[in-house]
Amino acid sequence: MISQDDALGEPAEVTVRCQDDRAVHVRLCDLFVQDEDCVHYAIEVGAPGLNARLDGVAAWNWNGDLVPFLEGLARDFRGWQGERVWQTNDRDLTLRAVFRSGGHVGLTWTLRPWRTPVDSWDASVTTWLEAGEQMSALAADVRQLLGQDTGRHG
């Protein structure tokens, strides 16, 4: 899921591919640090007939960010009822998670830029992953990408 920037030895991006349809994907990439409390990144979603990108998504070094949400989903690999929802403070990225029988997690990634007029556009894709190992690997990869495993960004 993660690719390395060979020049810096740091993660360059994380790509999530749906196990049901490999053409459906999400890519977190193009990081930049604005201050010690926050790292910004771009997120791209793609599926047949759909390509969308959102720049400047903020990842704060607080407990309520994407990494703890993904880690919680990985810990609950035996499943849960209903839908779990996480979103950025700016509400430009929303992630909805559902569990289905057979041990799979559906992650619906919705991009909705807050810097543009209301209802200008939004785009969503759903990636299905194995609830145990694949979810754990995704959480670890995103943690490494965002620098939250090294304290690099805060």
Protein backbone atom coordinates (compact mmCIF):
# COMPACT_ATOMS: atom_id res chain seq x y z
CA MET A 1 0.00 0.00 0.00
CA ILE A 2 2.81 2.43 0.76
CA SER A 3 5.50 3.61 -1.63
CA GLN A 4 8.77 5.17 -0.55
CA ASP A 5 10.50 8.33 -1.70
CA ASP A 6 13.89 6.76 -2.37
CA ALA A 7 15.72 10.07 -2.20
CA LEU A 8 14.51 10.82 1.32
CA GLY A 9 13.82 7.31 2.61
CA GLU A 10 10.37 8.50 3.68
CA PRO A 11 6.93 7.37 2.56
CA ALA A 12 5.74 9.23 -0.53
CA GLU A 13 2.16 7.98 -0.76
CA VAL A 14 -0.36 5.40 0.38
CA THR A 15 -2.63 3.79 -2.19
CA VAL A 16 -5.68 1.77 -1.16
CA ARG A 17 -7.14 -0.54 -3.79
CA CYS A 18 -10.52 -2.19 -3.44
CA GLN A 19 -10.19 -5.95 -3.22
CA ASP A 20 -13.50 -6.36 -5.11
CA ASP A 21 -12.55 -4.05 -8.01
CA ARG A 22 -8.86 -3.09 -8.30
CA ALA A 23 -9.78 -0.11 -10.53
CA VAL A 24 -11.36 1.58 -7.48
CA HIS A 25 -8.65 3.29 -5.46
CA VAL A 26 -7.72 6.05 -3.06
CA ARG A 27 -4.31 7.71 -2.94
CA LEU A 28 -2.93 9.91 -0.15
CA CYS A 29 0.06 11.86 -1.48
CA ASP A 30 1.92 15.17 -1.86
CA LEU A 31 2.57 15.95 1.80
CA PHE A 32 3.75 19.33 3.02
CA VAL A 33 4.29 20.62 6.53
CA GLN A 34 2.82 23.99 7.40
CA ASP A 35 3.64 24.00 11.13
CA GLU A 36 4.61 21.56 13.87
CA ASP A 37 0.99 20.66 14.68
CA CYS A 38 -0.22 19.81 11.20
CA VAL A 39 0.75 18.13 7.96
CA HIS A 40 -1.23 18.67 4.76
CA TYR A 41 -1.72 16.15 1.99
CA ALA A 42 -3.68 15.56 -1.17
CA ILE A 43 -6.18 12.76 -1.59
CA GLU A 44 -7.22 11.30 -4.92
CA VAL A 45 -10.09 8.92 -5.57
CA GLY A 46 -10.58 6.98 -8.75
CA ALA A 47 -12.93 4.45 -10.29
CA PRO A 48 -14.00 3.70 -13.85
CA GLY A 49 -15.20 7.08 -15.15
CA LEU A 50 -14.17 8.99 -12.01
CA ASN A 51 -11.01 10.85 -11.06
CA ALA A 52 -11.10 13.48 -8.31
CA ARG A 53 -8.43 15.19 -6.24
CA LEU A 54 -8.57 17.32 -3.13
CA ASP A 55 -5.48 19.30 -2.13
CA GLY A 56 -4.57 20.66 1.30
CA VAL A 57 -6.31 18.14 3.55
CA ALA A 58 -5.09 18.82 7.11
CA ALA A 59 -3.88 16.02 9.39
CA TRP A 60 -3.57 17.33 12.95
CA ASN A 61 -1.40 15.65 15.54
CA TRP A 62 -4.37 15.10 17.83
CA ASN A 63 -6.11 11.90 18.87
CA GLY A 64 -9.19 12.58 16.72
CA ASP A 65 -7.44 12.35 13.36
CA LEU A 66 -7.53 9.68 10.63
CA VAL A 67 -4.88 7.36 12.09
CA PRO A 68 -6.69 6.63 15.39
CA PHE A 69 -9.93 6.06 13.46
CA LEU A 70 -8.26 3.49 11.17
CA GLU A 71 -6.52 1.84 14.12
CA GLY A 72 -9.87 1.49 15.89
CA LEU A 73 -11.36 -0.22 12.84
CA ALA A 74 -8.37 -2.59 12.69
CA ARG A 75 -8.74 -3.45 16.41
CA ASP A 76 -12.41 -4.34 15.85
CA PHE A 77 -11.64 -6.93 13.16
CA ARG A 78 -14.40 -9.18 14.49
CA GLY A 79 -16.96 -6.62 13.37
CA TRP A 80 -19.44 -4.03 14.58
CA GLN A 81 -23.01 -2.98 13.93
CA GLY A 82 -23.96 0.06 11.88
CA GLU A 83 -21.73 2.69 10.38
CA ARG A 84 -18.72 4.48 11.86
CA VAL A 85 -17.93 7.95 10.54
CA TRP A 86 -14.85 10.17 10.71
CA GLN A 87 -14.21 13.51 9.02
CA THR A 88 -11.59 16.23 8.98
CA ASN A 89 -12.15 19.40 10.99
CA ASP A 90 -12.79 21.21 7.69
CA ARG A 91 -15.27 18.47 6.64
CA ASP A 92 -13.53 18.17 3.27
CA LEU A 93 -12.80 14.46 3.75
CA THR A 94 -15.31 12.05 5.26
CA LEU A 95 -14.66 8.35 5.80
CA ARG A 96 -17.54 5.98 6.50
CA ALA A 97 -16.87 2.41 7.58
CA VAL A 98 -19.21 -0.58 7.59
CA PHE A 99 -18.54 -4.22 8.40
CA ARG A 100 -19.98 -7.02 6.32
CA SER A 101 -20.11 -10.73 6.91
CA GLY A 102 -17.03 -12.61 5.84
CA GLY A 103 -14.75 -10.20 7.68
CA HIS A 104 -14.58 -7.25 5.27
CA VAL A 105 -14.67 -3.52 5.88
CA GLY A 106 -16.17 -1.09 3.38
CA LEU A 107 -14.52 2.32 3.51
CA THR A 108 -16.43 5.05 1.66
CA TRP A 109 -14.11 8.01 1.03
CA THR A 110 -15.99 11.25 0.23
CA LEU A 111 -14.19 14.38 -0.96
CA ARG A 112 -16.04 17.69 -0.65
CA PRO A 113 -13.87 20.80 -0.89
CA TRP A 114 -14.76 23.42 1.71
CA ARG A 115 -12.85 26.20 -0.04
CA THR A 116 -15.31 26.30 -2.97
CA PRO A 117 -18.97 27.36 -3.12
CA VAL A 118 -21.40 25.15 -1.22
CA ASP A 119 -22.51 22.10 -3.19
CA SER A 120 -19.96 22.75 -5.96
CA TRP A 121 -18.91 19.08 -6.13
CA ASP A 122 -18.24 15.96 -4.15
CA ALA A 123 -16.92 12.55 -5.09
CA SER A 124 -17.03 9.19 -3.31
CA VAL A 125 -15.59 5.74 -3.80
CA THR A 126 -15.86 2.65 -1.62
CA THR A 127 -12.91 0.36 -1.06
CA TRP A 128 -13.41 -3.08 0.49
CA LEU A 129 -10.58 -4.48 2.61
CA GLU A 130 -10.03 -7.54 4.77
CA ALA A 131 -10.92 -6.53 8.34
CA GLY A 132 -7.77 -7.86 10.00
CA GLU A 133 -4.43 -7.70 8.27
CA GLN A 134 -5.31 -5.28 5.46
CA MET A 135 -6.93 -2.78 7.86
CA SER A 136 -3.96 -3.02 10.23
CA ALA A 137 -1.53 -2.47 7.35
CA LEU A 138 -3.53 0.54 6.12
CA ALA A 139 -3.53 2.13 9.59
CA ALA A 140 0.24 1.58 9.94
CA ASP A 141 0.94 2.92 6.44
CA VAL A 142 -1.11 6.08 7.01
CA ARG A 143 0.57 6.59 10.40
CA GLN A 144 3.99 6.34 8.74
CA LEU A 145 3.00 8.57 5.81
CA LEU A 146 1.68 11.34 8.04
CA GLY A 147 4.77 11.13 10.25
CA GLN A 148 2.81 10.26 13.36
CA ASP A 149 5.04 7.26 14.13
CA THR A 150 8.20 9.33 14.40
CA GLY A 151 6.96 12.57 15.91
CA ARG A 152 8.35 14.25 12.80
CA HIS A 153 5.31 16.51 12.45
CA GLY A 154 4.66 17.52 16.01
